[in-house]
């Protein structure tokens, strides 16, 4: 037996498919550190890791692969993730970028799937727009801890959303709203660290990894055009959100089919309200998932 034989149920050629796939991880903090570890164990062969930050003491409660030694050395997070992935699968190809993800768009366009680990609404909105323009399935994770009324403790909750052409976007699903963007802008620079815990991040990351594997291998007959999986950390229950079931078959008004694949799109102009690029179109679109291609061609 080789190390992947126990997941042969994923399909006759699943090992090769997984080895050929390129997954982009934008932000490799608490949630995506789990995703990086699990995808390495699953056999994903190519990674693009993007994060500006170094590890700090406050990351140790949730960063998989983080250690005191890395804290003392102030190691950059993408380097920690690369070492962890290579320790699991030495054959994996891992490309790291310690900078803003908007500056490595040409590299991210090569990805088959992108998983977001961003903790701000503006970033989620921009990354969703980027992925829509280049026909890349985008999986967004979000987790928060809410203080309940006096004496009632806290609520741990989160969601994992798969956004791609043919499915509702983050705005459709209410993950991104104008109100949330305005509130975030008002609090910019003043908000403290958001509560995060390793077990809820792990649940959400496992759901995200499951969506990745379901898209690239034929193990499940159910082809997902999109998904919204809602997690209640207090009860330990994951459900498909009712809002997604209501909207799954409706066209997305924010990214109509005619707007998808606009090669002149420049995400850096989005925040300024201008999506007209100031550079020539790219010569290539990068890899497109098989199911997205079928949706676009109607086959």
C-alpha atoms as a PDB file:
ATOM      1  CA  UNK A   1       0.000   0.000   0.000  1.00  0.00           C
ATOM      2  CA  UNK A   2       1.095   3.551  -0.621  1.00  0.00           C
ATOM      3  CA  UNK A   3       0.143   6.445   1.596  1.00  0.00           C
ATOM      4  CA  UNK A   4      -3.003   7.328  -0.395  1.00  0.00           C
ATOM      5  CA  UNK A   5      -4.460   3.828  -0.911  1.00  0.00           C
ATOM      6  CA  UNK A   6      -6.988   4.230   1.897  1.00  0.00           C
ATOM      7  CA  UNK A   7      -8.696   7.031  -0.034  1.00  0.00           C
ATOM      8  CA  UNK A   8      -8.897   5.095  -3.302  1.00  0.00           C
ATOM      9  CA  UNK A   9     -12.695   5.432  -3.099  1.00  0.00           C
ATOM     10  CA  UNK A  10     -12.178   8.964  -4.409  1.00  0.00           C
ATOM     11  CA  UNK A  11     -11.837   7.489  -7.899  1.00  0.00           C
ATOM     12  CA  UNK A  12      -9.572   5.413 -10.108  1.00  0.00           C
ATOM     13  CA  UNK A  13      -7.416   8.375 -11.097  1.00  0.00           C
ATOM     14  CA  UNK A  14      -7.910  10.480  -7.988  1.00  0.00           C
ATOM     15  CA  UNK A  15      -4.271  10.288  -6.899  1.00  0.00           C
ATOM     16  CA  UNK A  16      -3.130  11.759 -10.221  1.00  0.00           C
ATOM     17  CA  UNK A  17      -5.867  14.401 -10.221  1.00  0.00           C
ATOM     18  CA  UNK A  18      -5.010  15.555  -6.717  1.00  0.00           C
ATOM     19  CA  UNK A  19      -1.311  15.708  -7.582  1.00  0.00           C
ATOM     20  CA  UNK A  20      -2.041  17.910 -10.609  1.00  0.00           C
ATOM     21  CA  UNK A  21      -4.358  20.365  -8.842  1.00  0.00           C
ATOM     22  CA  UNK A  22      -3.120  23.794  -7.744  1.00  0.00           C
ATOM     23  CA  UNK A  23      -4.805  25.284  -4.679  1.00  0.00           C
ATOM     24  CA  UNK A  24      -4.283  28.894  -3.671  1.00  0.00           C
ATOM     25  CA  UNK A  25      -4.510  29.767   0.016  1.00  0.00           C
ATOM     26  CA  UNK A  26      -4.982  33.492   0.567  1.00  0.00           C
ATOM     27  CA  UNK A  27      -4.214  34.142   4.208  1.00  0.00           C
ATOM     28  CA  UNK A  28      -2.626  31.271   6.130  1.00  0.00           C
ATOM     29  CA  UNK A  29      -3.728  32.057   9.651  1.00  0.00           C
ATOM     30  CA  UNK A  30      -5.896  29.900  11.911  1.00  0.00           C
ATOM     31  CA  UNK A  31      -8.370  28.532   9.360  1.00  0.00           C
ATOM     32  CA  UNK A  32      -6.133  28.065   6.352  1.00  0.00           C
ATOM     33  CA  UNK A  33      -3.347  26.511   8.422  1.00  0.00           C
ATOM     34  CA  UNK A  34      -5.752  23.591   8.954  1.00  0.00           C
ATOM     35  CA  UNK A  35      -6.585  23.629   5.243  1.00  0.00           C
ATOM     36  CA  UNK A  36      -2.900  23.518   4.265  1.00  0.00           C
ATOM     37  CA  UNK A  37      -2.251  20.564   6.562  1.00  0.00           C
ATOM     38  CA  UNK A  38      -5.276  18.571   5.412  1.00  0.00           C
ATOM     39  CA  UNK A  39      -4.718  19.219   1.704  1.00  0.00           C
ATOM     40  CA  UNK A  40      -1.132  18.031   2.073  1.00  0.00           C
ATOM     41  CA  UNK A  41      -2.338  14.797   3.690  1.00  0.00           C
ATOM     42  CA  UNK A  42      -4.970  14.343   0.960  1.00  0.00           C
ATOM     43  CA  UNK A  43      -2.267  14.549  -1.727  1.00  0.00           C
ATOM     44  CA  UNK A  44      -2.728  17.973  -3.333  1.00  0.00           C
ATOM     45  CA  UNK A  45       0.419  18.476  -5.388  1.00  0.00           C
ATOM     46  CA  UNK A  46       0.640  22.246  -5.904  1.00  0.00           C
ATOM     47  CA  UNK A  47       0.134  25.148  -3.518  1.00  0.00           C
ATOM     48  CA  UNK A  48       0.252  28.932  -3.794  1.00  0.00           C
ATOM     49  CA  UNK A  49       0.457  30.485  -0.313  1.00  0.00           C
ATOM     50  CA  UNK A  50      -0.058  34.223   0.187  1.00  0.00           C
ATOM     51  CA  UNK A  51       0.200  36.070   3.513  1.00  0.00           C
ATOM     52  CA  UNK A  52       2.089  39.136   4.684  1.00  0.00           C
ATOM     53  CA  UNK A  53       2.346  38.289   8.368  1.00  0.00           C
ATOM     54  CA  UNK A  54       4.866  36.752  10.708  1.00  0.00           C
ATOM     55  CA  UNK A  55       3.835  34.431  13.517  1.00  0.00           C
ATOM     56  CA  UNK A  56       3.337  36.019  16.937  1.00  0.00           C
ATOM     57  CA  UNK A  57       2.634  34.679  20.415  1.00  0.00           C
ATOM     58  CA  UNK A  58      -1.090  35.346  20.003  1.00  0.00           C
ATOM     59  CA  UNK A  59      -1.217  32.912  17.047  1.00  0.00           C
ATOM     60  CA  UNK A  60      -0.279  29.855  19.097  1.00  0.00           C
ATOM     61  CA  UNK A  61      -3.840  29.095  20.167  1.00  0.00           C
ATOM     62  CA  UNK A  62      -4.912  28.394  16.573  1.00  0.00           C
ATOM     63  CA  UNK A  63      -2.068  28.285  14.010  1.00  0.00           C
ATOM     64  CA  UNK A  64      -1.450  24.684  12.999  1.00  0.00           C
ATOM     65  CA  UNK A  65       2.295  24.161  12.622  1.00  0.00           C
ATOM     66  CA  UNK A  66       3.081  27.138  14.843  1.00  0.00           C
ATOM     67  CA  UNK A  67       5.602  26.583  17.648  1.00  0.00           C
ATOM     68  CA  UNK A  68       7.448  28.587  20.283  1.00  0.00           C
ATOM     69  CA  UNK A  69      10.587  28.282  18.171  1.00  0.00           C
ATOM     70  CA  UNK A  70       8.891  29.975  15.232  1.00  0.00           C
ATOM     71  CA  UNK A  71       7.594  32.716  17.536  1.00  0.00           C
ATOM     72  CA  UNK A  72      11.095  33.380  18.852  1.00  0.00           C
ATOM     73  CA  UNK A  73      12.421  33.508  15.276  1.00  0.00           C
ATOM     74  CA  UNK A  74       9.460  35.622  14.099  1.00  0.00           C
ATOM     75  CA  UNK A  75       9.104  33.292  11.120  1.00  0.00           C
ATOM     76  CA  UNK A  76       6.781  34.350   8.314  1.00  0.00           C
ATOM     77  CA  UNK A  77       3.583  32.296   8.211  1.00  0.00           C
ATOM     78  CA  UNK A  78       3.920  31.212   4.579  1.00  0.00           C
ATOM     79  CA  UNK A  79       7.321  29.701   5.372  1.00  0.00           C
ATOM     80  CA  UNK A  80       5.850  27.775   8.319  1.00  0.00           C
ATOM     81  CA  UNK A  81       3.106  26.398   6.085  1.00  0.00           C
ATOM     82  CA  UNK A  82       5.574  25.468   3.358  1.00  0.00           C
ATOM     83  CA  UNK A  83       7.733  23.514   5.809  1.00  0.00           C
ATOM     84  CA  UNK A  84       4.666  21.715   7.170  1.00  0.00           C
ATOM     85  CA  UNK A  85       3.380  20.776   3.710  1.00  0.00           C
ATOM     86  CA  UNK A  86       6.804  19.558   2.550  1.00  0.00           C
ATOM     87  CA  UNK A  87       7.221  17.527   5.744  1.00  0.00           C
ATOM     88  CA  UNK A  88       3.981  15.698   4.908  1.00  0.00           C
ATOM     89  CA  UNK A  89       4.536  15.412   1.153  1.00  0.00           C
ATOM     90  CA  UNK A  90       8.103  16.130  -0.008  1.00  0.00           C
ATOM     91  CA  UNK A  91       6.948  15.997  -3.640  1.00  0.00           C
ATOM     92  CA  UNK A  92       4.525  18.874  -3.242  1.00  0.00           C
ATOM     93  CA  UNK A  93       5.367  22.099  -5.078  1.00  0.00           C
ATOM     94  CA  UNK A  94       4.829  25.070  -2.785  1.00  0.00           C
ATOM     95  CA  UNK A  95       5.077  28.669  -3.988  1.00  0.00           C
ATOM     96  CA  UNK A  96       5.038  31.310  -1.274  1.00  0.00           C
ATOM     97  CA  UNK A  97       4.414  35.063  -1.405  1.00  0.00           C
ATOM     98  CA  UNK A  98       4.827  37.342   1.591  1.00  0.00           C
ATOM     99  CA  UNK A  99       2.830  40.276   0.257  1.00  0.00           C
ATOM    100  CA  UNK A 100      -0.703  41.439  -0.429  1.00  0.00           C
ATOM    101  CA  UNK A 101      -2.615  38.949  -2.538  1.00  0.00           C
ATOM    102  CA  UNK A 102      -3.638  41.685  -4.995  1.00  0.00           C
ATOM    103  CA  UNK A 103       0.027  41.968  -6.003  1.00  0.00           C
ATOM    104  CA  UNK A 104       0.302  38.309  -7.031  1.00  0.00           C
ATOM    105  CA  UNK A 105      -2.816  38.116  -9.213  1.00  0.00           C
ATOM    106  CA  UNK A 106      -0.978  36.601 -12.179  1.00  0.00           C
ATOM    107  CA  UNK A 107       0.141  33.715  -9.968  1.00  0.00           C
ATOM    108  CA  UNK A 108      -3.277  33.200  -8.380  1.00  0.00           C
ATOM    109  CA  UNK A 109      -4.860  33.031 -11.850  1.00  0.00           C
ATOM    110  CA  UNK A 110      -3.086  29.692 -12.317  1.00  0.00           C
ATOM    111  CA  UNK A 111      -4.954  28.108  -9.417  1.00  0.00           C
ATOM    112  CA  UNK A 112      -7.762  25.602  -9.913  1.00  0.00           C
ATOM    113  CA  UNK A 113      -9.345  26.545  -6.577  1.00  0.00           C
ATOM    114  CA  UNK A 114      -8.721  29.379  -4.116  1.00  0.00           C
ATOM    115  CA  UNK A 115      -9.522  29.098  -0.410  1.00  0.00           C
ATOM    116  CA  UNK A 116      -9.777  32.365   1.489  1.00  0.00           C
ATOM    117  CA  UNK A 117      -8.667  32.849   5.060  1.00  0.00           C
ATOM    118  CA  UNK A 118      -9.322  36.589   5.240  1.00  0.00           C
ATOM    119  CA  UNK A 119     -10.842  38.184   8.333  1.00  0.00           C
ATOM    120  CA  UNK A 120     -12.141  41.395   6.752  1.00  0.00           C
ATOM    121  CA  UNK A 121     -15.247  41.926   4.646  1.00  0.00           C
ATOM    122  CA  UNK A 122     -13.548  44.148   2.061  1.00  0.00           C
ATOM    123  CA  UNK A 123     -10.928  41.494   1.370  1.00  0.00           C
ATOM    124  CA  UNK A 124     -13.563  38.789   0.971  1.00  0.00           C
ATOM    125  CA  UNK A 125     -15.501  40.949  -1.478  1.00  0.00           C
ATOM    126  CA  UNK A 126     -12.421  41.726  -3.587  1.00  0.00           C
ATOM    127  CA  UNK A 127     -11.236  38.109  -3.642  1.00  0.00           C
ATOM    128  CA  UNK A 128     -14.680  36.851  -4.640  1.00  0.00           C
ATOM    129  CA  UNK A 129     -14.727  39.392  -7.490  1.00  0.00           C
ATOM    130  CA  UNK A 130     -11.245  38.348  -8.606  1.00  0.00           C
ATOM    131  CA  UNK A 131     -12.176  34.662  -8.694  1.00  0.00           C
ATOM    132  CA  UNK A 132     -15.415  35.334 -10.563  1.00  0.00           C
ATOM    133  CA  UNK A 133     -13.558  37.272 -13.253  1.00  0.00           C
ATOM    134  CA  UNK A 134     -11.118  34.432 -13.844  1.00  0.00           C
ATOM    135  CA  UNK A 135     -13.548  31.504 -13.466  1.00  0.00           C
ATOM    136  CA  UNK A 136     -11.879  30.150 -10.344  1.00  0.00           C
ATOM    137  CA  UNK A 137     -14.014  28.455  -7.683  1.00  0.00           C
ATOM    138  CA  UNK A 138     -13.622  30.377  -4.425  1.00  0.00           C
ATOM    139  CA  UNK A 139     -14.184  28.916  -0.964  1.00  0.00           C
ATOM    140  CA  UNK A 140     -14.588  31.446   1.829  1.00  0.00           C
ATOM    141  CA  UNK A 141     -14.391  30.672   5.540  1.00  0.00           C
ATOM    142  CA  UNK A 142     -15.722  32.880   8.310  1.00  0.00           C
ATOM    143  CA  UNK A 143     -15.855  32.351  12.076  1.00  0.00           C
ATOM    144  CA  UNK A 144     -16.777  34.613  14.956  1.00  0.00           C
ATOM    145  CA  UNK A 145     -17.559  34.524  18.660  1.00  0.00           C
ATOM    146  CA  UNK A 146     -20.569  36.557  19.778  1.00  0.00           C
ATOM    147  CA  UNK A 147     -21.255  37.537  23.377  1.00  0.00           C
ATOM    148  CA  UNK A 148     -24.812  36.705  24.354  1.00  0.00           C
ATOM    149  CA  UNK A 149     -26.985  38.478  26.862  1.00  0.00           C
ATOM    150  CA  UNK A 150     -25.662  38.745  30.402  1.00  0.00           C
ATOM    151  CA  UNK A 151     -25.204  35.343  31.962  1.00  0.00           C
ATOM    152  CA  UNK A 152     -25.755  33.403  28.757  1.00  0.00           C
ATOM    153  CA  UNK A 153     -22.122  32.982  27.675  1.00  0.00           C
ATOM    154  CA  UNK A 154     -20.924  33.145  24.077  1.00  0.00           C
ATOM    155  CA  UNK A 155     -21.999  31.816  20.706  1.00  0.00           C
ATOM    156  CA  UNK A 156     -19.360  30.305  18.415  1.00  0.00           C
ATOM    157  CA  UNK A 157     -20.589  30.305  14.817  1.00  0.00           C
ATOM    158  CA  UNK A 158     -19.213  30.267  11.303  1.00  0.00           C
ATOM    159  CA  UNK A 159     -19.794  29.399   7.687  1.00  0.00           C
ATOM    160  CA  UNK A 160     -18.082  27.998   4.618  1.00  0.00           C
ATOM    161  CA  UNK A 161     -19.259  29.314   1.249  1.00  0.00           C
ATOM    162  CA  UNK A 162     -18.398  27.990  -2.211  1.00  0.00           C
ATOM    163  CA  UNK A 163     -18.792  30.780  -4.765  1.00  0.00           C
ATOM    164  CA  UNK A 164     -18.358  30.194  -8.495  1.00  0.00           C
ATOM    165  CA  UNK A 165     -20.125  31.014 -11.773  1.00  0.00           C
ATOM    166  CA  UNK A 166     -23.588  29.487 -11.729  1.00  0.00           C
ATOM    167  CA  UNK A 167     -24.022  29.905  -7.970  1.00  0.00           C
ATOM    168  CA  UNK A 168     -24.798  32.747  -5.543  1.00  0.00           C
ATOM    169  CA  UNK A 169     -21.861  35.017  -4.682  1.00  0.00           C
ATOM    170  CA  UNK A 170     -20.847  36.265  -1.243  1.00  0.00           C
ATOM    171  CA  UNK A 171     -23.094  39.301  -1.662  1.00  0.00           C
ATOM    172  CA  UNK A 172     -26.052  37.095  -2.581  1.00  0.00           C
ATOM    173  CA  UNK A 173     -25.424  35.050   0.557  1.00  0.00           C
ATOM    174  CA  UNK A 174     -25.183  38.076   2.836  1.00  0.00           C
ATOM    175  CA  UNK A 175     -21.559  37.407   3.765  1.00  0.00           C
ATOM    176  CA  UNK A 176     -20.698  40.754   2.160  1.00  0.00           C
ATOM    177  CA  UNK A 177     -23.123  43.662   2.606  1.00  0.00           C
ATOM    178  CA  UNK A 178     -22.811  47.394   2.107  1.00  0.00           C
ATOM    179  CA  UNK A 179     -23.645  47.858   5.781  1.00  0.00           C
ATOM    180  CA  UNK A 180     -20.846  45.521   6.873  1.00  0.00           C
ATOM    181  CA  UNK A 181     -18.384  47.276   4.561  1.00  0.00           C
ATOM    182  CA  UNK A 182     -19.367  50.685   5.933  1.00  0.00           C
ATOM    183  CA  UNK A 183     -19.130  49.488   9.539  1.00  0.00           C
ATOM    184  CA  UNK A 184     -15.733  47.941   8.896  1.00  0.00           C
ATOM    185  CA  UNK A 185     -14.510  51.181   7.307  1.00  0.00           C
ATOM    186  CA  UNK A 186     -15.627  53.180  10.345  1.00  0.00           C
ATOM    187  CA  UNK A 187     -13.761  50.850  12.694  1.00  0.00           C
ATOM    188  CA  UNK A 188     -10.648  50.555  10.540  1.00  0.00           C
ATOM    189  CA  UNK A 189      -7.526  50.627  12.699  1.00  0.00           C
ATOM    190  CA  UNK A 190      -9.487  50.672  15.956  1.00  0.00           C
ATOM    191  CA  UNK A 191     -10.749  47.105  16.246  1.00  0.00           C
ATOM    192  CA  UNK A 192      -8.845  44.685  18.426  1.00  0.00           C
ATOM    193  CA  UNK A 193      -8.082  41.061  17.707  1.00  0.00           C
ATOM    194  CA  UNK A 194     -11.145  38.982  16.911  1.00  0.00           C
ATOM    195  CA  UNK A 195     -11.725  35.891  19.088  1.00  0.00           C
ATOM    196  CA  UNK A 196     -10.608  32.667  17.399  1.00  0.00           C
ATOM    197  CA  UNK A 197     -10.296  29.106  18.649  1.00  0.00           C
ATOM    198  CA  UNK A 198      -8.598  26.131  17.065  1.00  0.00           C
ATOM    199  CA  UNK A 199     -11.458  23.609  17.150  1.00  0.00           C
ATOM    200  CA  UNK A 200     -14.054  25.712  15.325  1.00  0.00           C
ATOM    201  CA  UNK A 201     -11.457  26.765  12.763  1.00  0.00           C
ATOM    202  CA  UNK A 202     -10.730  23.065  12.280  1.00  0.00           C
ATOM    203  CA  UNK A 203     -14.374  22.209  11.627  1.00  0.00           C
ATOM    204  CA  UNK A 204     -14.748  24.946   9.033  1.00  0.00           C
ATOM    205  CA  UNK A 205     -11.431  24.051   7.403  1.00  0.00           C
ATOM    206  CA  UNK A 206     -12.473  20.392   7.129  1.00  0.00           C
ATOM    207  CA  UNK A 207     -15.680  21.454   5.397  1.00  0.00           C
ATOM    208  CA  UNK A 208     -13.637  23.592   2.985  1.00  0.00           C
ATOM    209  CA  UNK A 209     -11.248  20.722   2.231  1.00  0.00           C
ATOM    210  CA  UNK A 210     -14.221  18.438   1.618  1.00  0.00           C
ATOM    211  CA  UNK A 211     -15.546  20.885  -0.971  1.00  0.00           C
ATOM    212  CA  UNK A 212     -12.144  21.024  -2.701  1.00  0.00           C
ATOM    213  CA  UNK A 213     -11.903  17.229  -2.915  1.00  0.00           C
ATOM    214  CA  UNK A 214     -15.516  16.938  -4.066  1.00  0.00           C
ATOM    215  CA  UNK A 215     -14.835  19.339  -6.929  1.00  0.00           C
ATOM    216  CA  UNK A 216     -11.679  17.705  -8.260  1.00  0.00           C
ATOM    217  CA  UNK A 217     -12.402  13.991  -7.765  1.00  0.00           C
ATOM    218  CA  UNK A 218     -15.440  11.925  -8.829  1.00  0.00           C
ATOM    219  CA  UNK A 219     -16.104  10.322  -5.421  1.00  0.00           C
ATOM    220  CA  UNK A 220     -19.547  11.944  -5.054  1.00  0.00           C
ATOM    221  CA  UNK A 221     -22.222  11.947  -7.738  1.00  0.00           C
ATOM    222  CA  UNK A 222     -23.498  15.288  -6.458  1.00  0.00           C
ATOM    223  CA  UNK A 223     -21.900  18.083  -8.433  1.00  0.00           C
ATOM    224  CA  UNK A 224     -21.944  21.281  -6.382  1.00  0.00           C
ATOM    225  CA  UNK A 225     -22.542  24.525  -8.218  1.00  0.00           C
ATOM    226  CA  UNK A 226     -22.127  26.298  -4.892  1.00  0.00           C
ATOM    227  CA  UNK A 227     -22.557  25.828  -1.170  1.00  0.00           C
ATOM    228  CA  UNK A 228     -23.297  27.627   2.083  1.00  0.00           C
ATOM    229  CA  UNK A 229     -22.568  25.446   5.104  1.00  0.00           C
ATOM    230  CA  UNK A 230     -23.483  27.036   8.416  1.00  0.00           C
ATOM    231  CA  UNK A 231     -21.826  25.887  11.660  1.00  0.00           C
ATOM    232  CA  UNK A 232     -23.189  26.283  15.191  1.00  0.00           C
ATOM    233  CA  UNK A 233     -20.209  25.693  17.452  1.00  0.00           C
ATOM    234  CA  UNK A 234     -22.325  25.542  20.609  1.00  0.00           C
ATOM    235  CA  UNK A 235     -24.445  22.635  19.397  1.00  0.00           C
ATOM    236  CA  UNK A 236     -21.853  21.154  17.030  1.00  0.00           C
ATOM    237  CA  UNK A 237     -24.301  21.153  14.116  1.00  0.00           C
ATOM    238  CA  UNK A 238     -23.550  21.901  10.458  1.00  0.00           C
ATOM    239  CA  UNK A 239     -26.459  22.597   8.102  1.00  0.00           C
ATOM    240  CA  UNK A 240     -26.929  23.903   4.573  1.00  0.00           C
ATOM    241  CA  UNK A 241     -28.199  27.441   5.005  1.00  0.00           C
ATOM    242  CA  UNK A 242     -31.839  28.006   4.086  1.00  0.00           C
ATOM    243  CA  UNK A 243     -30.846  31.189   2.258  1.00  0.00           C
ATOM    244  CA  UNK A 244     -28.654  29.175  -0.106  1.00  0.00           C
ATOM    245  CA  UNK A 245     -31.433  26.668  -0.820  1.00  0.00           C
ATOM    246  CA  UNK A 246     -33.759  29.531  -1.737  1.00  0.00           C
ATOM    247  CA  UNK A 247     -31.236  31.236  -4.032  1.00  0.00           C
ATOM    248  CA  UNK A 248     -29.298  28.292  -5.490  1.00  0.00           C
ATOM    249  CA  UNK A 249     -31.155  28.262  -8.792  1.00  0.00           C
ATOM    250  CA  UNK A 250     -31.453  32.046  -9.184  1.00  0.00           C
ATOM    251  CA  UNK A 251     -28.938  33.937 -11.372  1.00  0.00           C
ATOM    252  CA  UNK A 252     -26.426  36.064  -9.498  1.00  0.00           C
ATOM    253  CA  UNK A 253     -27.263  39.746 -10.095  1.00  0.00           C
ATOM    254  CA  UNK A 254     -23.854  40.961  -8.926  1.00  0.00           C
ATOM    255  CA  UNK A 255     -21.785  38.957 -11.442  1.00  0.00           C
ATOM    256  CA  UNK A 256     -23.953  38.222 -14.518  1.00  0.00           C
ATOM    257  CA  UNK A 257     -22.665  35.662 -16.994  1.00  0.00           C
ATOM    258  CA  UNK A 258     -21.671  38.355 -19.484  1.00  0.00           C
ATOM    259  CA  UNK A 259     -19.314  39.896 -16.922  1.00  0.00           C
ATOM    260  CA  UNK A 260     -17.504  36.675 -16.060  1.00  0.00           C
ATOM    261  CA  UNK A 261     -14.096  36.254 -17.608  1.00  0.00           C
ATOM    262  CA  UNK A 262     -13.361  39.945 -18.135  1.00  0.00           C
ATOM    263  CA  UNK A 263      -9.623  39.750 -18.748  1.00  0.00           C
ATOM    264  CA  UNK A 264      -9.131  43.492 -18.204  1.00  0.00           C
ATOM    265  CA  UNK A 265     -10.457  43.331 -14.647  1.00  0.00           C
ATOM    266  CA  UNK A 266      -8.120  44.846 -12.043  1.00  0.00           C
ATOM    267  CA  UNK A 267      -9.111  44.021  -8.465  1.00  0.00           C
ATOM    268  CA  UNK A 268      -6.976  46.885  -7.148  1.00  0.00           C
ATOM    269  CA  UNK A 269      -9.460  49.334  -8.692  1.00  0.00           C
ATOM    270  CA  UNK A 270     -12.468  47.737  -7.008  1.00  0.00           C
ATOM    271  CA  UNK A 271     -12.133  49.583  -3.710  1.00  0.00           C
ATOM    272  CA  UNK A 272     -12.177  52.861  -5.609  1.00  0.00           C
ATOM    273  CA  UNK A 273     -15.384  51.853  -7.388  1.00  0.00           C
ATOM    274  CA  UNK A 274     -13.722  51.535 -10.789  1.00  0.00           C
ATOM    275  CA  UNK A 275     -13.398  48.081 -12.388  1.00  0.00           C
ATOM    276  CA  UNK A 276     -11.841  49.363 -15.618  1.00  0.00           C
ATOM    277  CA  UNK A 277      -8.282  48.167 -15.820  1.00  0.00           C
ATOM    278  CA  UNK A 278      -5.363  50.263 -16.888  1.00  0.00           C
ATOM    279  CA  UNK A 279      -3.347  47.402 -18.288  1.00  0.00           C
ATOM    280  CA  UNK A 280      -3.733  45.122 -21.347  1.00  0.00           C
ATOM    281  CA  UNK A 281      -5.518  41.786 -20.997  1.00  0.00           C
ATOM    282  CA  UNK A 282      -3.504  38.817 -19.786  1.00  0.00           C
ATOM    283  CA  UNK A 283      -2.532  36.291 -22.437  1.00  0.00           C
ATOM    284  CA  UNK A 284      -3.940  33.383 -20.495  1.00  0.00           C
ATOM    285  CA  UNK A 285      -6.696  32.669 -17.989  1.00  0.00           C
ATOM    286  CA  UNK A 286      -5.099  29.962 -15.902  1.00  0.00           C
ATOM    287  CA  UNK A 287      -6.688  26.646 -15.086  1.00  0.00           C
ATOM    288  CA  UNK A 288     -10.468  26.398 -15.031  1.00  0.00           C
ATOM    289  CA  UNK A 289     -12.212  23.656 -13.109  1.00  0.00           C
ATOM    290  CA  UNK A 290     -13.934  21.028 -15.219  1.00  0.00           C
ATOM    291  CA  UNK A 291     -17.351  21.693 -13.744  1.00  0.00           C
ATOM    292  CA  UNK A 292     -17.098  25.465 -14.233  1.00  0.00           C
ATOM    293  CA  UNK A 293     -16.099  24.918 -17.872  1.00  0.00           C
ATOM    294  CA  UNK A 294     -19.100  22.637 -18.400  1.00  0.00           C
ATOM    295  CA  UNK A 295     -21.399  25.237 -16.883  1.00  0.00           C
ATOM    296  CA  UNK A 296     -20.035  27.961 -19.146  1.00  0.00           C
ATOM    297  CA  UNK A 297     -20.386  25.825 -22.304  1.00  0.00           C
ATOM    298  CA  UNK A 298     -23.753  24.349 -21.342  1.00  0.00           C
ATOM    299  CA  UNK A 299     -22.474  20.803 -21.799  1.00  0.00           C
END
